[in-house]
Amino acid sequence: MQTSSVVKIDPEIMSGTPCFAGTRVPARTLIDCLEGGESLADFLADFPTVTHQQAIAFLEEASDRMLVTA
């Protein structure tokens, strides 16, 4: 089992799919919604178990990882 502050990977939850901690909502779902043109507000309305703070923290963490220079 792997845990970050925002995303948890647990083989007992959604077969190990990375999900927002404390939920069964795959983190990828947020990315898919945003790529599909939905707003963050739409995502949060559709997945009320994910908090605004979790969603923002996930996006910030993803951004930080993408912008790291080697």
Protein backbone atom coordinates (compact mmCIF):
# COMPACT_ATOMS: atom_id res chain seq x y z
CA MET A 1 0.00 0.00 0.00
CA GLN A 2 1.29 3.45 -0.94
CA THR A 3 -0.03 6.68 0.48
CA SER A 4 0.53 10.34 -0.29
CA SER A 5 -1.29 13.19 1.32
CA VAL A 6 -3.86 13.19 -1.47
CA VAL A 7 -3.80 9.89 -3.35
CA LYS A 8 -3.81 6.40 -1.90
CA ILE A 9 -2.91 3.18 -3.67
CA ASP A 10 -4.32 0.15 -1.91
CA PRO A 11 -4.88 -3.24 -3.57
CA GLU A 12 -8.05 -3.57 -1.48
CA ILE A 13 -9.57 -0.39 -2.94
CA MET A 14 -10.49 -0.34 -6.63
CA SER A 15 -7.90 -3.08 -7.33
CA GLY A 16 -5.03 -0.73 -6.53
CA THR A 17 -6.12 2.13 -8.77
CA PRO A 18 -4.76 5.41 -7.37
CA CYS A 19 -7.75 7.03 -5.63
CA PHE A 20 -8.30 10.18 -3.64
CA ALA A 21 -7.58 9.27 -0.01
CA GLY A 22 -10.69 8.25 1.88
CA THR A 23 -12.72 7.74 -1.31
CA ARG A 24 -13.17 5.25 -4.11
CA VAL A 25 -12.77 7.99 -6.75
CA PRO A 26 -9.83 7.35 -9.07
CA ALA A 27 -7.51 10.34 -9.33
CA ARG A 28 -7.49 9.86 -13.11
CA THR A 29 -11.19 10.78 -13.12
CA LEU A 30 -10.33 14.39 -12.26
CA ILE A 31 -7.87 14.59 -15.14
CA ASP A 32 -10.37 13.00 -17.53
CA CYS A 33 -13.08 15.47 -16.49
CA LEU A 34 -10.83 18.47 -16.95
CA GLU A 35 -9.57 17.17 -20.30
CA GLY A 36 -13.19 16.72 -21.35
CA GLY A 37 -13.94 20.39 -20.69
CA GLU A 38 -15.67 20.02 -17.34
CA SER A 39 -14.87 22.51 -14.60
CA LEU A 40 -13.46 21.65 -11.21
CA ALA A 41 -16.84 22.63 -9.75
CA ASP A 42 -18.55 20.10 -12.03
CA PHE A 43 -16.16 17.37 -10.92
CA LEU A 44 -16.71 18.17 -7.25
CA ALA A 45 -20.48 18.16 -7.73
CA ASP A 46 -20.30 14.76 -9.43
CA PHE A 47 -17.92 13.31 -6.80
CA PRO A 48 -18.88 14.87 -3.46
CA THR A 49 -16.59 12.55 -1.48
CA VAL A 50 -13.60 14.41 -2.94
CA THR A 51 -12.99 17.74 -1.25
CA HIS A 52 -11.97 20.93 -3.01
CA GLN A 53 -8.75 20.86 -0.97
CA GLN A 54 -7.95 17.32 -2.16
CA ALA A 55 -8.55 18.21 -5.81
CA ILE A 56 -6.39 21.33 -5.65
CA ALA A 57 -3.62 19.51 -3.77
CA PHE A 58 -3.64 16.74 -6.40
CA LEU A 59 -3.39 19.24 -9.25
CA GLU A 60 -0.58 21.11 -7.49
CA GLU A 61 1.31 17.88 -6.83
CA ALA A 62 0.88 16.79 -10.45
CA SER A 63 2.06 20.19 -11.66
CA ASP A 64 5.09 20.11 -9.36
CA ARG A 65 6.08 16.67 -10.67
CA MET A 66 5.74 17.79 -14.27
CA LEU A 67 7.82 20.91 -13.76
CA VAL A 68 10.74 19.26 -11.98
CA THR A 69 13.88 19.65 -14.04
CA ALA A 70 16.55 16.99 -14.01
